[in-house]
Amino acid sequence: MFYPQRVIFILTILTLAHHSFQAAEKGCSDSISRRRYLHFYITVKKNDTGHWLTDYSVEKSSPDFPRQLRVDVKRSSRHELGNEVFQIKGRLSESPLIPNDYHLYPGIGYYKLHTNKVPKFDDAVEMCRGEGGHLAIANSKEEASVFKSLLNAHKIHAVYSGFHDRIQEGQFMTIFGTPLNATGFYTFYPGQPDDHGGNEDCGCFREEGLLCDLPCIRATEFICEYDLTWADDKQ
């Protein structure tokens, strides 16, 4: 609650502690202590004309600086029981680094085809996440064409794709929890999805450039993706 005509305060949102880790290069191991921190400061003031002004600054130190750092701040104020109530909410997010072994398809995205099969769908999801990407999802005909070219080049019949209908049969959702039919590409191979044997609840992408369904536990290749929206626009 704010009573004076002019109020200034500074809020530290997040501080990441120091981390020590081991680094090894050319067979030599050294213990290296590197300073990692992230400070997010918000300054809010009400000026002499009654306008609320919000300024923020971000200071980060890390051996691996992100390609993109995004800050979203929302604020609101209201009068309640004779007092002026001010509220501020914010989110700070940073994109993972672009993996070195992902191939860029200009205007579409970064991709890596894993030709070594994983035992199940969830393994593919976790492996892509561990690399800083996500299990690939076709969001357009152009992106589907990229997937098709990768499969055809390696003579692969189908790969896991980032969607499923585990929650409700026939209602396909992406691994991000959004409806598959809202992604921009929702074209299945003829006869698909068929939930063959009542056990095909995970998504796949076929060599023909179309979607399909597979059992969630089946040794299958997969494609990992790093979205262009995560990358620096100037790159």
Protein backbone atom coordinates (compact mmCIF):
# COMPACT_ATOMS: atom_id res chain seq x y z
CA MET A 1 0.00 0.00 0.00
CA PHE A 2 1.33 3.42 -0.91
CA TYR A 3 0.43 6.65 0.82
CA PRO A 4 3.04 9.25 -0.26
CA GLN A 5 2.82 10.98 -3.61
CA ARG A 6 6.27 9.69 -4.58
CA VAL A 7 7.52 6.20 -3.70
CA ILE A 8 10.64 4.38 -4.85
CA PHE A 9 11.66 0.84 -3.96
CA ILE A 10 14.04 -1.76 -5.36
CA LEU A 11 13.21 -5.44 -5.43
CA THR A 12 15.70 -8.23 -6.06
CA ILE A 13 13.72 -10.99 -7.74
CA LEU A 14 16.22 -13.76 -8.20
CA THR A 15 19.80 -14.53 -7.29
CA LEU A 16 21.52 -17.70 -8.40
CA ALA A 17 24.15 -18.96 -5.99
CA HIS A 18 27.72 -19.68 -6.95
CA HIS A 19 28.42 -23.11 -8.36
CA SER A 20 31.68 -25.02 -8.57
CA PHE A 21 32.14 -27.71 -11.14
CA GLN A 22 34.80 -29.89 -12.67
CA ALA A 23 36.18 -29.24 -16.14
CA ALA A 24 38.25 -31.71 -18.12
CA GLU A 25 40.17 -30.99 -21.30
CA LYS A 26 42.54 -33.27 -23.22
CA GLY A 27 42.80 -35.73 -20.37
CA CYS A 28 43.64 -33.14 -17.70
CA SER A 29 41.13 -32.47 -14.92
CA ASP A 30 41.11 -29.23 -12.97
CA SER A 31 38.75 -27.98 -10.33
CA ILE A 32 37.45 -24.65 -11.55
CA SER A 33 35.32 -22.34 -9.48
CA ARG A 34 33.24 -20.02 -11.62
CA ARG A 35 30.87 -17.40 -10.42
CA ARG A 36 27.28 -17.77 -11.60
CA TYR A 37 24.59 -15.33 -10.63
CA LEU A 38 21.51 -13.61 -11.94
CA HIS A 39 20.18 -10.39 -10.43
CA PHE A 40 16.87 -8.90 -11.51
CA TYR A 41 16.09 -5.46 -10.10
CA ILE A 42 12.78 -3.65 -10.40
CA THR A 43 12.43 0.02 -9.53
CA VAL A 44 8.90 1.40 -9.22
CA LYS A 45 8.04 5.02 -8.60
CA LYS A 46 5.05 7.29 -8.76
CA ASN A 47 6.04 10.60 -10.28
CA ASP A 48 4.72 14.07 -9.49
CA THR A 49 1.98 13.78 -12.10
CA GLY A 50 0.61 10.58 -10.56
CA HIS A 51 1.99 8.20 -13.21
CA TRP A 52 3.42 4.86 -12.09
CA LEU A 53 6.83 4.19 -13.71
CA THR A 54 8.47 0.76 -13.69
CA ASP A 55 12.13 0.28 -14.60
CA TYR A 56 14.03 -2.99 -14.47
CA SER A 57 17.57 -4.18 -15.04
CA VAL A 58 19.12 -7.62 -15.35
CA GLU A 59 22.70 -8.53 -14.51
CA LYS A 60 23.97 -12.02 -15.26
CA SER A 61 27.32 -13.73 -14.95
CA SER A 62 27.82 -17.24 -16.33
CA PRO A 63 30.32 -19.19 -18.45
CA ASP A 64 27.41 -20.03 -20.77
CA PHE A 65 25.48 -16.88 -21.60
CA PRO A 66 22.05 -17.47 -23.18
CA ARG A 67 21.20 -16.42 -26.71
CA GLN A 68 18.03 -14.77 -25.49
CA LEU A 69 16.88 -13.40 -22.17
CA ARG A 70 13.24 -12.37 -21.79
CA VAL A 71 11.61 -10.38 -19.05
CA ASP A 72 7.82 -10.00 -18.76
CA VAL A 73 6.49 -7.55 -16.20
CA LYS A 74 2.84 -6.80 -15.43
CA ARG A 75 1.63 -4.20 -13.00
CA SER A 76 -1.70 -2.93 -11.74
CA SER A 77 -3.01 -0.47 -9.18
CA ARG A 78 -6.36 0.18 -7.60
CA HIS A 79 -8.01 2.12 -4.79
CA GLU A 80 -9.29 0.04 -1.92
CA LEU A 81 -10.72 1.28 1.38
CA GLY A 82 -9.12 4.66 0.94
CA ASN A 83 -5.70 3.24 0.13
CA GLU A 84 -3.88 2.88 -3.16
CA VAL A 85 -2.88 -0.74 -3.75
CA PHE A 86 -0.07 -1.49 -6.20
CA GLN A 87 0.77 -4.96 -7.52
CA ILE A 88 3.58 -6.10 -9.78
CA LYS A 89 4.16 -9.53 -11.27
CA GLY A 90 7.00 -10.68 -13.45
CA ARG A 91 8.69 -13.59 -15.14
CA LEU A 92 12.29 -13.85 -16.27
CA SER A 93 13.22 -16.65 -18.66
CA GLU A 94 16.31 -17.49 -20.66
CA SER A 95 16.59 -19.78 -23.64
CA PRO A 96 19.02 -22.71 -23.63
CA LEU A 97 22.13 -22.48 -25.78
CA ILE A 98 21.89 -23.80 -29.32
CA PRO A 99 23.46 -27.30 -29.32
CA ASN A 100 26.58 -27.45 -31.49
CA ASP A 101 25.51 -30.54 -33.43
CA TYR A 102 22.07 -29.27 -34.50
CA HIS A 103 21.69 -28.36 -38.18
CA LEU A 104 20.03 -25.06 -39.11
CA TYR A 105 17.32 -24.98 -41.75
CA PRO A 106 17.00 -21.21 -42.35
CA GLY A 107 13.62 -19.79 -41.47
CA ILE A 108 12.43 -23.09 -39.99
CA GLY A 109 14.58 -24.29 -37.10
CA TYR A 110 17.52 -26.32 -35.80
CA TYR A 111 17.26 -30.12 -35.89
CA LYS A 112 19.17 -33.26 -35.05
CA LEU A 113 18.15 -36.74 -36.20
CA HIS A 114 19.00 -39.47 -33.71
CA THR A 115 19.54 -42.64 -35.73
CA ASN A 116 20.18 -44.71 -32.61
CA LYS A 117 16.82 -45.97 -31.40
CA VAL A 118 15.56 -45.34 -27.87
CA PRO A 119 13.39 -47.94 -26.09
CA LYS A 120 10.43 -45.61 -25.50
CA PHE A 121 8.83 -42.24 -26.22
CA ASP A 122 9.69 -40.76 -22.83
CA ASP A 123 13.39 -41.53 -23.40
CA ALA A 124 13.31 -39.47 -26.60
CA VAL A 125 11.62 -36.58 -24.77
CA GLU A 126 14.24 -36.60 -22.02
CA MET A 127 17.20 -36.92 -24.37
CA CYS A 128 16.09 -33.91 -26.44
CA ARG A 129 15.48 -31.91 -23.27
CA GLY A 130 18.92 -32.83 -21.99
CA GLU A 131 20.45 -31.43 -25.18
CA GLY A 132 18.64 -28.11 -24.76
CA GLY A 133 15.95 -28.83 -27.34
CA HIS A 134 12.66 -30.72 -27.45
CA LEU A 135 11.19 -33.68 -29.29
CA ALA A 136 10.33 -32.35 -32.73
CA ILE A 137 6.82 -31.20 -33.63
CA ALA A 138 5.82 -30.21 -37.17
CA ASN A 139 4.24 -26.75 -37.08
CA SER A 140 3.95 -26.23 -40.83
CA LYS A 141 4.19 -27.98 -44.20
CA GLU A 142 7.69 -26.54 -44.55
CA GLU A 143 8.79 -28.06 -41.27
CA ALA A 144 7.17 -31.37 -42.19
CA SER A 145 9.21 -31.31 -45.40
CA VAL A 146 12.40 -30.98 -43.34
CA PHE A 147 11.46 -34.04 -41.27
CA LYS A 148 10.61 -35.97 -44.43
CA SER A 149 13.98 -35.15 -46.01
CA LEU A 150 15.83 -36.30 -42.88
CA LEU A 151 13.98 -39.62 -42.79
CA ASN A 152 14.40 -40.26 -46.50
CA ALA A 153 18.12 -39.45 -46.40
CA HIS A 154 18.65 -42.11 -43.74
CA LYS A 155 16.01 -44.56 -45.02
CA ILE A 156 14.05 -44.41 -41.77
CA HIS A 157 10.37 -45.40 -41.84
CA ALA A 158 9.15 -43.38 -38.85
CA VAL A 159 10.39 -41.38 -35.86
CA TYR A 160 8.83 -40.35 -32.57
CA SER A 161 7.23 -36.90 -32.70
CA GLY A 162 6.32 -34.64 -29.77
CA PHE A 163 2.63 -35.42 -29.31
CA HIS A 164 0.40 -38.09 -27.74
CA ASP A 165 -3.16 -38.95 -26.71
CA ARG A 166 -2.34 -40.53 -23.36
CA ILE A 167 -4.84 -38.37 -21.46
CA GLN A 168 -7.86 -38.96 -23.67
CA GLU A 169 -7.97 -41.33 -26.63
CA GLY A 170 -8.11 -39.44 -29.91
CA GLN A 171 -7.37 -36.05 -28.31
CA PHE A 172 -3.79 -35.44 -29.37
CA MET A 173 -1.76 -33.00 -27.30
CA THR A 174 1.80 -31.81 -27.75
CA ILE A 175 4.45 -32.40 -25.09
CA PHE A 176 3.84 -28.76 -24.12
CA GLY A 177 0.18 -29.44 -23.31
CA THR A 178 -1.34 -27.67 -26.33
CA PRO A 179 -3.78 -29.29 -28.81
CA LEU A 180 -1.99 -30.82 -31.77
CA ASN A 181 -4.59 -29.45 -34.18
CA ALA A 182 -3.54 -25.92 -33.19
CA THR A 183 0.12 -26.37 -34.13
CA GLY A 184 -0.26 -25.58 -37.82
CA PHE A 185 0.21 -29.12 -39.14
CA TYR A 186 -2.37 -31.84 -38.52
CA THR A 187 -2.20 -34.24 -41.47
CA PHE A 188 -2.09 -37.96 -40.72
CA TYR A 189 -1.11 -40.78 -43.04
CA PRO A 190 -4.20 -42.52 -44.53
CA GLY A 191 -5.62 -44.92 -41.95
CA GLN A 192 -3.82 -43.14 -39.13
CA PRO A 193 -4.18 -42.72 -36.24
CA ASP A 194 -5.62 -46.19 -35.68
CA ASP A 195 -4.54 -47.01 -32.09
CA HIS A 196 -3.67 -50.49 -33.34
CA GLY A 197 -4.18 -53.05 -30.61
CA GLY A 198 -5.44 -50.30 -28.31
CA ASN A 199 -1.86 -49.51 -27.45
CA GLU A 200 -0.70 -46.69 -29.74
CA ASP A 201 -0.80 -43.51 -27.67
CA CYS A 202 2.36 -41.70 -28.79
CA GLY A 203 2.98 -39.62 -31.88
CA CYS A 204 5.21 -40.36 -34.80
CA PHE A 205 6.20 -38.89 -38.14
CA ARG A 206 6.45 -41.06 -41.25
CA GLU A 207 8.82 -41.03 -44.22
CA GLU A 208 5.93 -39.80 -46.41
CA GLY A 209 5.87 -36.55 -44.48
CA LEU A 210 2.71 -37.32 -42.51
CA LEU A 211 1.75 -38.00 -38.90
CA CYS A 212 1.00 -41.36 -37.29
CA ASP A 213 0.68 -43.08 -33.93
CA LEU A 214 2.90 -45.69 -32.31
CA PRO A 215 3.13 -47.57 -29.01
CA CYS A 216 4.90 -45.45 -26.41
CA ILE A 217 7.23 -48.36 -25.73
CA ARG A 218 8.88 -49.31 -29.00
CA ALA A 219 12.51 -48.91 -30.06
CA THR A 220 12.35 -45.97 -32.46
CA GLU A 221 14.52 -43.20 -33.90
CA PHE A 222 13.63 -39.56 -33.21
CA ILE A 223 14.32 -35.94 -34.13
CA CYS A 224 15.22 -33.21 -31.64
CA GLU A 225 14.38 -29.59 -32.36
CA TYR A 226 15.60 -26.20 -31.20
CA ASP A 227 13.04 -23.50 -32.03
CA LEU A 228 14.09 -20.41 -33.94
CA THR A 229 12.06 -18.41 -31.42
CA TRP A 230 14.63 -19.44 -28.79
CA ALA A 231 17.55 -18.17 -30.84
CA ASP A 232 18.94 -14.68 -31.15
CA ASP A 233 17.19 -12.94 -34.04
CA LYS A 234 20.48 -11.47 -35.15
CA GLN A 235 22.16 -14.83 -35.57
